[in-house]
Protein backbone atom coordinates (compact mmCIF):
# COMPACT_ATOMS: atom_id res chain seq x y z
CA THR A 1 158.53 300.12 -36.95
CA GLN A 2 158.53 303.87 -36.46
CA ILE A 3 155.20 305.66 -36.92
CA GLN A 4 155.41 308.75 -39.09
CA PRO A 5 153.66 311.90 -37.83
CA THR A 6 150.21 312.57 -39.22
CA THR A 7 148.04 315.66 -39.19
CA GLU A 8 144.57 315.63 -37.63
CA THR A 9 142.00 318.43 -38.01
CA ILE A 10 139.54 318.87 -35.15
CA THR A 11 136.30 320.84 -35.46
CA SER A 12 134.69 322.03 -32.23
CA THR A 13 131.10 323.10 -31.62
CA LYS A 14 132.20 326.71 -32.11
CA THR A 15 133.08 325.83 -35.74
CA MET A 16 136.71 326.66 -35.02
CA THR A 17 139.39 324.33 -36.34
CA SER A 18 142.80 323.54 -34.96
CA THR A 19 145.58 321.31 -36.22
CA ILE A 20 147.35 318.79 -34.00
CA ILE A 21 150.55 317.02 -35.01
CA THR A 22 150.56 313.52 -33.56
CA THR A 23 152.56 310.31 -33.89
CA ARG A 24 149.59 308.12 -33.01
CA PRO A 25 147.48 306.54 -35.79
CA PRO A 26 143.88 307.87 -35.86
CA SER A 27 142.48 304.37 -35.22
CA GLN A 28 144.03 304.42 -31.73
CA TYR A 29 141.93 307.34 -30.47
CA ARG A 30 139.47 305.07 -28.65
CA ASP A 31 137.51 307.68 -26.70
CA CYS A 32 137.47 311.23 -25.38
CA LYS A 33 139.88 310.34 -22.58
CA ASP A 34 142.57 309.61 -25.18
CA TRP A 35 142.11 313.08 -26.63
CA LYS A 36 142.28 314.61 -23.15
CA ASP A 37 145.28 312.65 -21.88
CA LEU A 38 147.41 312.81 -25.02
CA TYR A 39 146.62 316.25 -26.44
CA ASN A 40 144.79 318.14 -23.67
CA ALA A 41 141.90 318.60 -26.11
CA SER A 42 139.07 320.96 -25.18
CA THR A 43 135.34 320.23 -25.14
CA GLY A 44 133.96 319.68 -28.63
CA VAL A 45 133.30 317.20 -31.44
CA TYR A 46 135.92 314.55 -32.27
CA ASP A 47 136.34 311.33 -34.26
CA VAL A 48 137.08 308.23 -32.17
CA TYR A 49 137.58 304.51 -32.88
CA PRO A 50 136.11 302.58 -29.91
CA ASP A 51 136.87 299.16 -31.40
CA GLY A 52 140.07 300.25 -33.16
CA ARG A 53 138.42 300.01 -36.58
CA THR A 54 135.10 301.86 -36.82
CA ARG A 55 135.14 305.64 -36.81
CA ILE A 56 132.33 307.51 -35.07
CA THR A 57 131.85 311.19 -34.33
CA VAL A 58 131.25 311.98 -30.66
CA TYR A 59 130.89 314.96 -28.37
CA CYS A 60 133.60 315.14 -25.68
CA ASP A 61 133.10 316.78 -22.29
CA GLN A 62 136.58 317.82 -21.18
CA VAL A 63 135.43 319.80 -18.12
CA THR A 64 133.31 317.59 -15.80
CA ASP A 65 135.44 315.80 -13.18
CA GLY A 66 138.65 316.52 -15.06
CA GLY A 67 137.32 315.74 -18.53
CA GLY A 68 137.73 312.69 -20.72
CA TRP A 69 133.99 311.92 -20.92
CA THR A 70 132.38 310.61 -24.12
CA VAL A 71 128.82 311.97 -24.06
CA ILE A 72 126.29 309.25 -24.90
CA THR A 73 123.20 311.46 -24.92
CA SER A 74 122.56 315.19 -24.63
CA ARG A 75 119.24 316.96 -24.26
CA LYS A 76 119.28 320.71 -24.68
CA GLY A 77 115.69 321.88 -24.58
CA SER A 78 112.82 319.75 -25.88
CA PHE A 79 113.53 316.14 -26.82
CA ASN A 80 111.32 313.61 -28.60
CA GLY A 81 112.12 310.18 -27.17
CA GLY A 82 109.23 308.39 -28.86
CA ARG A 83 111.35 306.47 -31.35
CA LEU A 84 111.83 302.89 -32.46
CA TRP A 85 114.38 300.73 -30.66
CA ALA A 86 116.32 300.42 -33.92
CA GLU A 87 116.85 304.19 -33.89
CA TYR A 88 118.38 304.04 -30.42
CA ILE A 89 120.67 301.23 -31.57
CA LYS A 90 121.94 303.26 -34.54
CA GLY A 91 121.81 306.68 -32.88
CA PHE A 92 120.07 309.88 -33.94
CA GLY A 93 120.01 313.65 -33.56
CA ASP A 94 122.47 316.53 -33.96
CA ILE A 95 125.86 316.02 -32.29
CA ASN A 96 125.92 319.76 -31.47
CA GLY A 97 122.46 319.73 -29.87
CA ASN A 98 120.03 316.96 -28.93
CA PHE A 99 121.43 313.54 -29.78
CA TRP A 100 121.62 309.90 -28.77
CA LEU A 101 124.86 308.08 -29.58
CA GLU A 102 124.48 304.63 -31.08
CA LEU A 103 124.07 301.97 -28.38
CA GLU A 104 126.19 299.39 -30.20
CA VAL A 105 129.36 301.34 -29.43
CA LYS A 106 129.76 299.49 -26.13
CA GLU A 107 133.53 299.08 -26.41
CA THR A 108 133.89 302.72 -25.39
CA THR A 109 133.17 301.82 -21.77
CA GLU A 110 133.90 298.09 -21.63
CA THR A 111 137.41 297.65 -23.02
CA ASN A 112 139.25 300.46 -21.20
CA ASN A 113 139.55 301.60 -17.60
CA SER A 114 136.38 303.65 -17.98
CA ALA A 115 133.24 304.36 -16.01
CA SER A 116 129.68 305.19 -17.03
CA TYR A 117 128.31 308.33 -15.41
CA LEU A 118 124.65 309.31 -15.55
CA ASP A 119 124.02 313.02 -14.92
CA ILE A 120 120.32 313.96 -14.83
CA MET A 121 118.63 317.22 -13.91
CA LEU A 122 114.90 316.69 -13.26
CA SER A 123 112.44 319.58 -13.49
CA TYR A 124 108.78 319.16 -12.61
CA ASP A 125 105.52 321.00 -12.07
CA THR A 126 104.50 320.89 -8.40
CA ASP A 127 100.89 320.47 -9.53
CA GLY A 128 101.72 317.68 -11.95
CA HIS A 129 103.04 314.15 -11.75
CA MET A 130 106.22 312.65 -13.16
CA ASN A 131 106.73 308.98 -14.04
CA THR A 132 110.29 307.72 -14.35
CA SER A 133 111.79 304.36 -15.27
CA LEU A 134 115.39 303.23 -15.04
CA TYR A 135 116.74 300.09 -16.71
CA ASP A 136 120.33 298.94 -16.47
CA LYS A 137 122.17 295.93 -17.94
CA ARG A 138 125.17 296.03 -15.64
CA ASP A 139 125.04 295.29 -11.93
CA ASP A 140 127.78 297.77 -11.12
CA PHE A 141 125.65 300.68 -12.27
CA ASN A 142 122.29 299.98 -10.62
CA PHE A 143 121.24 302.56 -8.07
CA SER A 144 118.23 303.98 -6.31
CA ILE A 145 117.14 307.62 -6.15
CA LYS A 146 116.03 308.59 -2.67
CA ASN A 147 115.82 312.38 -3.04
CA PHE A 148 112.66 312.35 -5.17
CA PRO A 149 110.02 310.45 -3.16
CA PHE A 150 107.19 311.96 -5.23
CA LEU A 151 108.27 310.03 -8.33
CA SER A 152 106.15 307.06 -9.39
CA SER A 153 108.49 304.62 -11.08
CA ASN A 154 110.22 301.28 -11.14
CA ILE A 155 113.35 302.74 -9.54
CA PRO A 156 114.68 300.16 -7.02
CA SER A 157 113.67 300.95 -3.45
CA SER A 158 116.47 298.88 -1.89
CA PRO A 159 120.11 300.00 -1.94
CA SER A 160 122.23 298.78 -4.85
CA TYR A 161 125.90 298.76 -3.95
CA GLY A 162 127.19 298.98 -7.51
CA VAL A 163 126.79 302.76 -7.40
CA PHE A 164 129.58 302.84 -4.80
CA ILE A 165 131.93 301.02 -7.17
CA SER A 166 131.07 303.23 -10.14
CA GLN A 167 131.72 306.36 -8.06
CA MET A 168 135.07 305.00 -6.84
CA ILE A 169 136.09 304.58 -10.48
CA ARG A 170 135.12 308.19 -11.23
CA TYR A 171 136.96 309.53 -8.20
CA ALA A 172 140.11 307.53 -8.96
CA ARG A 173 140.18 308.85 -12.52
CA ALA A 174 139.60 312.45 -11.42
CA SER A 175 141.97 312.56 -8.41
CA THR A 176 145.72 312.59 -8.90
CA LYS A 177 146.31 312.86 -5.14
CA TYR A 178 145.22 310.21 -2.65
CA THR A 179 143.94 312.86 -0.22
CA ASN A 180 141.48 314.18 -2.80
CA PHE A 181 140.32 310.67 -3.66
CA VAL A 182 139.71 309.84 0.01
CA LEU A 183 137.88 313.11 0.64
CA ARG A 184 135.37 312.40 -2.11
CA ALA A 185 135.02 308.72 -1.24
CA ARG A 186 134.49 309.40 2.48
CA ARG A 187 131.75 311.94 1.76
CA LEU A 188 130.00 309.40 -0.45
CA SER A 189 130.25 306.57 2.07
CA ASP A 190 128.89 308.80 4.83
CA LYS A 191 125.95 309.78 2.63
CA LEU A 192 125.17 306.20 1.61
CA LEU A 193 125.35 304.98 5.21
CA SER A 194 122.91 307.71 6.23
CA GLN A 195 120.51 306.44 3.52
CA GLY A 196 120.39 302.87 4.80
CA TYR A 197 123.42 301.26 3.19
CA VAL A 198 125.23 298.67 5.35
CA CYS A 199 128.90 299.19 6.21
CA ASP A 200 129.80 295.52 5.69
CA ARG A 201 128.35 295.63 2.16
CA LEU A 202 130.24 298.84 1.37
CA THR A 203 133.41 297.17 2.65
CA SER A 204 132.81 294.25 0.30
CA SER A 205 132.18 296.66 -2.59
CA LEU A 206 135.38 298.59 -1.85
CA ARG A 207 137.33 295.32 -1.80
CA LYS A 208 135.76 294.42 -5.15
CA PHE A 209 136.73 297.82 -6.58
CA TYR A 210 140.33 297.49 -5.36
CA GLY A 211 140.68 294.03 -6.86
CA ARG A 212 138.98 294.74 -10.18
CA TYR A 213 140.20 298.30 -10.83
CA GLY A 214 143.45 298.33 -8.87
CA GLU A 215 145.34 299.83 -11.80
CA LEU A 216 143.39 303.07 -11.26
CA VAL A 217 144.73 303.52 -7.71
CA ILE A 218 148.13 301.83 -7.91
CA HIS A 219 149.87 305.22 -8.15
CA TYR A 220 148.56 306.10 -4.67
CA ASP A 221 150.80 303.32 -3.29
CA VAL A 222 148.26 302.60 -0.55
CA PRO A 223 147.27 299.09 0.62
CA LEU A 224 143.63 298.06 0.73
CA SER A 225 143.60 297.95 4.54
CA ARG A 226 144.56 301.61 4.81
CA MET A 227 142.12 302.65 2.09
CA MET A 228 139.28 300.92 3.92
CA GLY A 229 140.21 302.69 7.15
CA ASP A 230 140.35 306.08 5.42
CA ILE A 231 137.06 305.73 3.52
CA LEU A 232 134.79 303.71 5.82
CA PRO A 233 134.03 304.32 9.53
């Protein structure tokens, strides 16, 4: 069955509209990476269908690490996080400003070759005190923060090797050339080893990444043995 072209109107945060002619049904735009890969869309607000049925409006970052990122939460200025859990489940805020995307849209990162990326900038008063808590459902995205020893929190003090896997996914998505992928991965492994991570555990994590997400690096045409030698000492 041939799909007839349809017309989609996209509104960005600058309130400018553009028209894209596409042969793909709207329900197949699963996330911001689809918009980036198929139509080279710029940063802005788009409709996506994470589960193939339900439409949600999201903010797409098409700049960071090559683009394709569906922004889950954005805080521009002050932000009131004292809300009920039900509000976090359903989402709240202004998609063009401070917002929290509904938590139930988990298919965005679980059904495709996608990675979750947490980007935080912490500011603090040197005379004050900051308390921070991190909670994570998935083992592959647990990590410790070692650059802020003054924080009082429940952040894990022992290394969590899932951060290595999550970064490998990011690097593989962002790097079309194997040399660029290796450069980023080697810098990360050197940094983690200097912070107390064990080489044998990183080796096991890299093997896990290669086996689970091999489709992300298959175009490099590089065997696991060579990749290990290029990334780990």
